[in-house]
PDB file of N, CA and C in Angstrom:
ATOM      1  N   UNK A   1     202.553-123.463-111.952  1.00  0.00           N
ATOM      2  CA  UNK A   1     203.083-123.729-113.312  1.00  0.00           C
ATOM      3  C   UNK A   1     204.021-124.824-113.027  1.00  0.00           C
ATOM      4  N   UNK A   2     203.713-125.700-114.335  1.00  0.00           N
ATOM      5  CA  UNK A   2     204.183-127.328-114.231  1.00  0.00           C
ATOM      6  C   UNK A   2     205.641-126.574-114.973  1.00  0.00           C
ATOM      7  N   UNK A   3     206.683-127.282-114.214  1.00  0.00           N
ATOM      8  CA  UNK A   3     208.372-127.167-114.399  1.00  0.00           C
ATOM      9  C   UNK A   3     208.532-127.958-115.457  1.00  0.00           C
ATOM     10  N   UNK A   4     207.875-129.036-115.563  1.00  0.00           N
ATOM     11  CA  UNK A   4     208.305-130.371-116.819  1.00  0.00           C
ATOM     12  C   UNK A   4     208.199-129.468-118.193  1.00  0.00           C
ATOM     13  N   UNK A   5     206.986-128.663-118.238  1.00  0.00           N
ATOM     14  CA  UNK A   5     206.819-128.186-119.555  1.00  0.00           C
ATOM     15  C   UNK A   5     208.257-127.657-120.171  1.00  0.00           C
ATOM     16  N   UNK A   6     207.948-127.905-121.317  1.00  0.00           N
ATOM     17  CA  UNK A   6     209.077-127.329-122.186  1.00  0.00           C
ATOM     18  C   UNK A   6     208.572-127.048-123.786  1.00  0.00           C
ATOM     19  N   UNK A   7     209.930-126.365-124.523  1.00  0.00           N
ATOM     20  CA  UNK A   7     209.391-126.703-125.804  1.00  0.00           C
ATOM     21  C   UNK A   7     209.957-127.294-126.707  1.00  0.00           C
ATOM     22  N   UNK A   8     208.605-127.805-127.447  1.00  0.00           N
ATOM     23  CA  UNK A   8     208.807-129.073-128.093  1.00  0.00           C
ATOM     24  C   UNK A   8     209.500-128.818-129.820  1.00  0.00           C
ATOM     25  N   UNK A   9     209.435-128.241-130.185  1.00  0.00           N
ATOM     26  CA  UNK A   9     210.037-127.832-131.522  1.00  0.00           C
ATOM     27  C   UNK A   9     210.167-126.664-131.995  1.00  0.00           C
ATOM     28  N   UNK A  10     210.607-126.299-133.279  1.00  0.00           N
ATOM     29  CA  UNK A  10     210.941-124.777-133.488  1.00  0.00           C
ATOM     30  C   UNK A  10     209.698-124.003-133.814  1.00  0.00           C
ATOM     31  N   UNK A  11     208.213-124.580-133.920  1.00  0.00           N
ATOM     32  CA  UNK A  11     207.599-123.910-134.220  1.00  0.00           C
ATOM     33  C   UNK A  11     206.856-123.410-132.628  1.00  0.00           C
ATOM     34  N   UNK A  12     207.248-124.519-131.767  1.00  0.00           N
ATOM     35  CA  UNK A  12     207.006-123.521-129.934  1.00  0.00           C
ATOM     36  C   UNK A  12     207.846-122.824-129.911  1.00  0.00           C
ATOM     37  N   UNK A  13     209.246-122.997-130.308  1.00  0.00           N
ATOM     38  CA  UNK A  13     210.391-121.982-130.068  1.00  0.00           C
ATOM     39  C   UNK A  13     209.734-120.668-130.550  1.00  0.00           C
ATOM     40  N   UNK A  14     209.258-120.585-131.896  1.00  0.00           N
ATOM     41  CA  UNK A  14     208.774-119.175-132.615  1.00  0.00           C
ATOM     42  C   UNK A  14     207.383-118.355-131.531  1.00  0.00           C
ATOM     43  N   UNK A  15     206.623-119.889-131.543  1.00  0.00           N
ATOM     44  CA  UNK A  15     205.251-118.768-130.636  1.00  0.00           C
ATOM     45  C   UNK A  15     205.516-118.449-129.319  1.00  0.00           C
ATOM     46  N   UNK A  16     206.921-119.336-128.767  1.00  0.00           N
ATOM     47  CA  UNK A  16     207.061-118.426-127.393  1.00  0.00           C
ATOM     48  C   UNK A  16     207.861-117.420-127.537  1.00  0.00           C
ATOM     49  N   UNK A  17     208.834-117.290-128.514  1.00  0.00           N
ATOM     50  CA  UNK A  17     209.141-116.132-129.104  1.00  0.00           C
ATOM     51  C   UNK A  17     208.218-114.649-128.839  1.00  0.00           C
ATOM     52  N   UNK A  18     206.826-115.107-129.862  1.00  0.00           N
ATOM     53  CA  UNK A  18     206.260-114.021-129.980  1.00  0.00           C
ATOM     54  C   UNK A  18     205.488-114.016-128.717  1.00  0.00           C
ATOM     55  N   UNK A  19     205.804-114.595-128.075  1.00  0.00           N
ATOM     56  CA  UNK A  19     204.574-114.443-126.863  1.00  0.00           C
ATOM     57  C   UNK A  19     205.386-113.547-125.900  1.00  0.00           C
ATOM     58  N   UNK A  20     206.266-113.924-125.713  1.00  0.00           N
ATOM     59  CA  UNK A  20     207.520-113.282-124.862  1.00  0.00           C
ATOM     60  C   UNK A  20     207.540-111.524-125.441  1.00  0.00           C
ATOM     61  N   UNK A  21     207.508-111.689-126.448  1.00  0.00           N
ATOM     62  CA  UNK A  21     207.573-109.888-127.242  1.00  0.00           C
ATOM     63  C   UNK A  21     206.287-109.308-127.100  1.00  0.00           C
ATOM     64  N   UNK A  22     205.290-110.084-127.399  1.00  0.00           N
ATOM     65  CA  UNK A  22     203.908-109.498-127.026  1.00  0.00           C
ATOM     66  C   UNK A  22     203.892-109.081-125.249  1.00  0.00           C
ATOM     67  N   UNK A  23     204.092-110.165-124.402  1.00  0.00           N
ATOM     68  CA  UNK A  23     204.289-109.577-122.805  1.00  0.00           C
ATOM     69  C   UNK A  23     205.219-108.603-121.947  1.00  0.00           C
ATOM     70  N   UNK A  24     206.358-108.294-123.015  1.00  0.00           N
ATOM     71  CA  UNK A  24     207.413-107.822-122.637  1.00  0.00           C
ATOM     72  C   UNK A  24     206.527-106.292-122.622  1.00  0.00           C
ATOM     73  N   UNK A  25     206.135-106.104-123.933  1.00  0.00           N
ATOM     74  CA  UNK A  25     205.321-104.421-123.577  1.00  0.00           C
ATOM     75  C   UNK A  25     204.423-104.299-122.921  1.00  0.00           C
ATOM     76  N   UNK A  26     204.109-105.416-122.332  1.00  0.00           N
ATOM     77  CA  UNK A  26     202.848-105.224-120.973  1.00  0.00           C
ATOM     78  C   UNK A  26     203.901-105.135-119.529  1.00  0.00           C
ATOM     79  N   UNK A  27     204.762-105.766-119.764  1.00  0.00           N
ATOM     80  CA  UNK A  27     205.433-105.335-118.378  1.00  0.00           C
ATOM     81  C   UNK A  27     206.493-104.241-118.612  1.00  0.00           C
ATOM     82  N   UNK A  28     206.978-103.594-119.624  1.00  0.00           N
ATOM     83  CA  UNK A  28     207.392-102.343-119.267  1.00  0.00           C
ATOM     84  C   UNK A  28     206.454-101.407-119.348  1.00  0.00           C
ATOM     85  N   UNK A  29     205.219-101.305-119.582  1.00  0.00           N
ATOM     86  CA  UNK A  29     204.501-100.246-119.391  1.00  0.00           C
ATOM     87  C   UNK A  29     203.967 -99.936-117.763  1.00  0.00           C
ATOM     88  N   UNK A  30     204.310 -99.340-117.262  1.00  0.00           N
ATOM     89  CA  UNK A  30     203.651 -99.549-115.925  1.00  0.00           C
ATOM     90  C   UNK A  30     202.185 -99.123-115.230  1.00  0.00           C
ATOM     91  N   UNK A  31     201.645 -98.386-116.432  1.00  0.00           N
ATOM     92  CA  UNK A  31     200.093 -98.447-116.510  1.00  0.00           C
ATOM     93  C   UNK A  31     199.013 -99.546-116.850  1.00  0.00           C
ATOM     94  N   UNK A  32     200.203-100.810-117.583  1.00  0.00           N
ATOM     95  CA  UNK A  32     198.783-101.622-118.014  1.00  0.00           C
ATOM     96  C   UNK A  32     198.703-102.671-117.079  1.00  0.00           C
ATOM     97  N   UNK A  33     199.188-102.923-116.192  1.00  0.00           N
ATOM     98  CA  UNK A  33     198.845-104.029-115.410  1.00  0.00           C
ATOM     99  C   UNK A  33     198.981-103.568-113.764  1.00  0.00           C
ATOM    100  N   UNK A  34     198.227-104.334-112.782  1.00  0.00           N
ATOM    101  CA  UNK A  34     198.003-104.057-111.389  1.00  0.00           C
ATOM    102  C   UNK A  34     199.335-104.704-111.002  1.00  0.00           C
ATOM    103  N   UNK A  35     199.960-104.626-109.657  1.00  0.00           N
ATOM    104  CA  UNK A  35     200.930-105.237-108.939  1.00  0.00           C
ATOM    105  C   UNK A  35     200.883-106.638-108.970  1.00  0.00           C
ATOM    106  N   UNK A  36     199.802-106.689-108.846  1.00  0.00           N
ATOM    107  CA  UNK A  36     199.347-108.793-108.647  1.00  0.00           C
ATOM    108  C   UNK A  36     199.680-109.142-110.112  1.00  0.00           C
ATOM    109  N   UNK A  37     198.921-108.608-111.125  1.00  0.00           N
ATOM    110  CA  UNK A  37     199.172-109.231-112.611  1.00  0.00           C
ATOM    111  C   UNK A  37     200.596-109.019-113.094  1.00  0.00           C
ATOM    112  N   UNK A  38     201.342-107.902-113.009  1.00  0.00           N
ATOM    113  CA  UNK A  38     202.604-108.059-112.888  1.00  0.00           C
ATOM    114  C   UNK A  38     203.644-109.069-112.666  1.00  0.00           C
ATOM    115  N   UNK A  39     203.232-109.411-111.429  1.00  0.00           N
ATOM    116  CA  UNK A  39     203.916-110.244-110.437  1.00  0.00           C
ATOM    117  C   UNK A  39     203.943-111.459-111.117  1.00  0.00           C
ATOM    118  N   UNK A  40     202.598-112.208-111.368  1.00  0.00           N
ATOM    119  CA  UNK A  40     202.366-113.430-112.337  1.00  0.00           C
ATOM    120  C   UNK A  40     202.916-113.269-113.633  1.00  0.00           C
ATOM    121  N   UNK A  41     202.539-112.272-114.139  1.00  0.00           N
ATOM    122  CA  UNK A  41     203.053-112.205-115.342  1.00  0.00           C
ATOM    123  C   UNK A  41     205.012-112.270-115.616  1.00  0.00           C
ATOM    124  N   UNK A  42     205.484-111.760-114.933  1.00  0.00           N
ATOM    125  CA  UNK A  42     206.797-111.757-114.765  1.00  0.00           C
ATOM    126  C   UNK A  42     207.162-112.972-114.596  1.00  0.00           C
ATOM    127  N   UNK A  43     206.246-113.835-113.624  1.00  0.00           N
ATOM    128  CA  UNK A  43     206.706-115.487-113.165  1.00  0.00           C
ATOM    129  C   UNK A  43     206.883-116.096-114.173  1.00  0.00           C
ATOM    130  N   UNK A  44     205.671-115.907-115.177  1.00  0.00           N
ATOM    131  CA  UNK A  44     205.865-116.524-116.348  1.00  0.00           C
ATOM    132  C   UNK A  44     206.480-116.570-117.228  1.00  0.00           C
ATOM    133  N   UNK A  45     207.016-115.050-117.840  1.00  0.00           N
ATOM    134  CA  UNK A  45     207.943-114.589-118.358  1.00  0.00           C
ATOM    135  C   UNK A  45     209.338-115.359-118.264  1.00  0.00           C
ATOM    136  N   UNK A  46     209.564-115.309-116.722  1.00  0.00           N
ATOM    137  CA  UNK A  46     210.679-115.890-116.481  1.00  0.00           C
ATOM    138  C   UNK A  46     211.043-117.001-116.933  1.00  0.00           C
ATOM    139  N   UNK A  47     209.845-117.675-116.333  1.00  0.00           N
ATOM    140  CA  UNK A  47     209.559-119.756-116.678  1.00  0.00           C
ATOM    141  C   UNK A  47     210.111-119.546-118.056  1.00  0.00           C
ATOM    142  N   UNK A  48     209.308-119.013-119.200  1.00  0.00           N
ATOM    143  CA  UNK A  48     209.496-118.995-120.333  1.00  0.00           C
ATOM    144  C   UNK A  48     210.754-118.704-120.899  1.00  0.00           C
ATOM    145  N   UNK A  49     211.297-117.773-120.530  1.00  0.00           N
ATOM    146  CA  UNK A  49     212.711-117.208-120.763  1.00  0.00           C
ATOM    147  C   UNK A  49     213.702-118.544-120.748  1.00  0.00           C
ATOM    148  N   UNK A  50     213.641-118.802-119.492  1.00  0.00           N
ATOM    149  CA  UNK A  50     214.655-120.458-119.052  1.00  0.00           C
ATOM    150  C   UNK A  50     214.589-121.179-120.206  1.00  0.00           C
ATOM    151  N   UNK A  51     213.397-121.589-120.271  1.00  0.00           N
ATOM    152  CA  UNK A  51     213.147-122.672-121.028  1.00  0.00           C
ATOM    153  C   UNK A  51     213.418-122.540-122.681  1.00  0.00           C
ATOM    154  N   UNK A  52     213.588-121.203-123.238  1.00  0.00           N
ATOM    155  CA  UNK A  52     213.981-120.499-124.559  1.00  0.00           C
ATOM    156  C   UNK A  52     215.452-120.837-124.443  1.00  0.00           C
ATOM    157  N   UNK A  53     216.310-120.610-123.236  1.00  0.00           N
ATOM    158  CA  UNK A  53     217.827-120.876-123.201  1.00  0.00           C
ATOM    159  C   UNK A  53     218.030-122.285-122.787  1.00  0.00           C
ATOM    160  N   UNK A  54     217.509-123.222-122.491  1.00  0.00           N
ATOM    161  CA  UNK A  54     218.033-124.573-122.407  1.00  0.00           C
ATOM    162  C   UNK A  54     217.344-125.056-123.709  1.00  0.00           C
ATOM    163  N   UNK A  55     215.975-124.633-124.320  1.00  0.00           N
ATOM    164  CA  UNK A  55     216.167-125.244-126.035  1.00  0.00           C
ATOM    165  C   UNK A  55     217.527-124.776-126.748  1.00  0.00           C
ATOM    166  N   UNK A  56     218.063-123.919-126.659  1.00  0.00           N
ATOM    167  CA  UNK A  56     218.971-122.817-127.339  1.00  0.00           C
ATOM    168  C   UNK A  56     220.145-123.768-127.002  1.00  0.00           C
ATOM    169  N   UNK A  57     220.541-124.114-125.996  1.00  0.00           N
ATOM    170  CA  UNK A  57     221.518-124.562-125.230  1.00  0.00           C
ATOM    171  C   UNK A  57     221.723-126.514-125.902  1.00  0.00           C
ATOM    172  N   UNK A  58     220.331-127.012-125.982  1.00  0.00           N
ATOM    173  CA  UNK A  58     220.188-128.241-126.217  1.00  0.00           C
ATOM    174  C   UNK A  58     220.208-128.577-127.894  1.00  0.00           C
ATOM    175  N   UNK A  59     219.913-127.572-128.901  1.00  0.00           N
ATOM    176  CA  UNK A  59     220.253-127.408-129.871  1.00  0.00           C
ATOM    177  C   UNK A  59     221.577-127.258-130.348  1.00  0.00           C
ATOM    178  N   UNK A  60     222.380-126.529-129.769  1.00  0.00           N
ATOM    179  CA  UNK A  60     223.808-126.387-130.118  1.00  0.00           C
ATOM    180  C   UNK A  60     224.879-127.968-129.565  1.00  0.00           C
ATOM    181  N   UNK A  61     223.982-128.147-128.429  1.00  0.00           N
ATOM    182  CA  UNK A  61     224.559-129.617-127.972  1.00  0.00           C
ATOM    183  C   UNK A  61     224.014-130.418-129.322  1.00  0.00           C
ATOM    184  N   UNK A  62     223.515-130.477-130.049  1.00  0.00           N
ATOM    185  CA  UNK A  62     222.840-131.428-130.948  1.00  0.00           C
ATOM    186  C   UNK A  62     223.932-131.160-132.082  1.00  0.00           C
ATOM    187  N   UNK A  63     224.190-129.768-132.459  1.00  0.00           N
ATOM    188  CA  UNK A  63     225.588-129.289-133.376  1.00  0.00           C
ATOM    189  C   UNK A  63     226.994-129.978-132.621  1.00  0.00           C
ATOM    190  N   UNK A  64     227.009-129.358-131.636  1.00  0.00           N
ATOM    191  CA  UNK A  64     228.710-129.594-131.062  1.00  0.00           C
ATOM    192  C   UNK A  64     228.407-130.406-129.558  1.00  0.00           C
ATOM    193  N   UNK A  65     228.393-131.855-129.631  1.00  0.00           N
ATOM    194  CA  UNK A  65     228.170-132.622-128.515  1.00  0.00           C
ATOM    195  C   UNK A  65     229.165-132.203-127.645  1.00  0.00           C
ATOM    196  N   UNK A  66     230.305-131.517-127.681  1.00  0.00           N
ATOM    197  CA  UNK A  66     231.382-131.142-126.888  1.00  0.00           C
ATOM    198  C   UNK A  66     231.013-130.399-125.834  1.00  0.00           C
ATOM    199  N   UNK A  67     229.871-129.635-126.172  1.00  0.00           N
ATOM    200  CA  UNK A  67     229.186-128.221-125.676  1.00  0.00           C
ATOM    201  C   UNK A  67     228.714-128.834-124.189  1.00  0.00           C
ATOM    202  N   UNK A  68     228.346-130.264-124.074  1.00  0.00           N
ATOM    203  CA  UNK A  68     227.445-131.065-123.066  1.00  0.00           C
ATOM    204  C   UNK A  68     227.962-130.486-122.115  1.00  0.00           C
ATOM    205  N   UNK A  69     229.646-130.973-122.090  1.00  0.00           N
ATOM    206  CA  UNK A  69     230.396-131.039-120.927  1.00  0.00           C
ATOM    207  C   UNK A  69     230.352-129.392-120.361  1.00  0.00           C
ATOM    208  N   UNK A  70     230.587-128.503-121.367  1.00  0.00           N
ATOM    209  CA  UNK A  70     230.392-127.306-120.632  1.00  0.00           C
ATOM    210  C   UNK A  70     229.471-126.482-120.175  1.00  0.00           C
ATOM    211  N   UNK A  71     228.614-126.831-120.732  1.00  0.00           N
ATOM    212  CA  UNK A  71     227.184-126.760-119.878  1.00  0.00           C
ATOM    213  C   UNK A  71     227.087-127.217-118.537  1.00  0.00           C
ATOM    214  N   UNK A  72     227.375-128.607-118.701  1.00  0.00           N
ATOM    215  CA  UNK A  72     227.302-129.131-117.058  1.00  0.00           C
ATOM    216  C   UNK A  72     228.194-128.590-116.129  1.00  0.00           C
ATOM    217  N   UNK A  73     229.379-128.081-116.500  1.00  0.00           N
ATOM    218  CA  UNK A  73     230.389-127.590-115.437  1.00  0.00           C
ATOM    219  C   UNK A  73     230.016-126.061-115.557  1.00  0.00           C
ATOM    220  N   UNK A  74     229.517-125.471-116.121  1.00  0.00           N
ATOM    221  CA  UNK A  74     228.809-124.463-115.674  1.00  0.00           C
ATOM    222  C   UNK A  74     227.491-124.165-115.082  1.00  0.00           C
ATOM    223  N   UNK A  75     226.981-125.717-114.998  1.00  0.00           N
ATOM    224  CA  UNK A  75     225.722-125.778-113.963  1.00  0.00           C
ATOM    225  C   UNK A  75     224.662-125.288-114.658  1.00  0.00           C
ATOM    226  N   UNK A  76     224.591-125.242-116.199  1.00  0.00           N
ATOM    227  CA  UNK A  76     223.066-124.420-116.579  1.00  0.00           C
ATOM    228  C   UNK A  76     222.106-125.888-117.187  1.00  0.00           C
ATOM    229  N   UNK A  77     221.029-125.375-117.054  1.00  0.00           N
ATOM    230  CA  UNK A  77     220.323-126.968-117.899  1.00  0.00           C
ATOM    231  C   UNK A  77     220.173-126.728-119.038  1.00  0.00           C
ATOM    232  N   UNK A  78     220.048-127.897-119.651  1.00  0.00           N
ATOM    233  CA  UNK A  78     220.127-127.930-121.271  1.00  0.00           C
ATOM    234  C   UNK A  78     218.653-128.961-121.382  1.00  0.00           C
ATOM    235  N   UNK A  79     218.138-128.747-122.595  1.00  0.00           N
ATOM    236  CA  UNK A  79     216.700-129.354-122.979  1.00  0.00           C
ATOM    237  C   UNK A  79     217.760-130.388-123.982  1.00  0.00           C
ATOM    238  N   UNK A  80     217.261-131.572-123.345  1.00  0.00           N
ATOM    239  CA  UNK A  80     217.818-132.881-124.132  1.00  0.00           C
ATOM    240  C   UNK A  80     216.436-133.304-125.193  1.00  0.00           C
ATOM    241  N   UNK A  81     216.917-133.523-126.246  1.00  0.00           N
ATOM    242  CA  UNK A  81     216.417-134.102-127.199  1.00  0.00           C
ATOM    243  C   UNK A  81     216.381-135.622-127.820  1.00  0.00           C
ATOM    244  N   UNK A  82     215.077-136.137-128.497  1.00  0.00           N
ATOM    245  CA  UNK A  82     215.293-137.479-128.281  1.00  0.00           C
ATOM    246  C   UNK A  82     214.770-138.010-129.788  1.00  0.00           C
TER     247      UNK A  82
END
């Protein structure tokens, strides 16, 4: 998985959320996936969950620039928008 992938815009955000809802149903049902498939999907899910958080934090920094210091102090990543 390419770690530099990120959510580009609000449309990508919505698509990612929709994907996460669909995949969470698979992850919740123990009979839908093999252990290998479950592990792979969980890794992808966790990756995109972090991108969602980074996107949200980046949006908050656009609205409230002073939050950048708070996020940096907390040691969490944010998505920078140009």
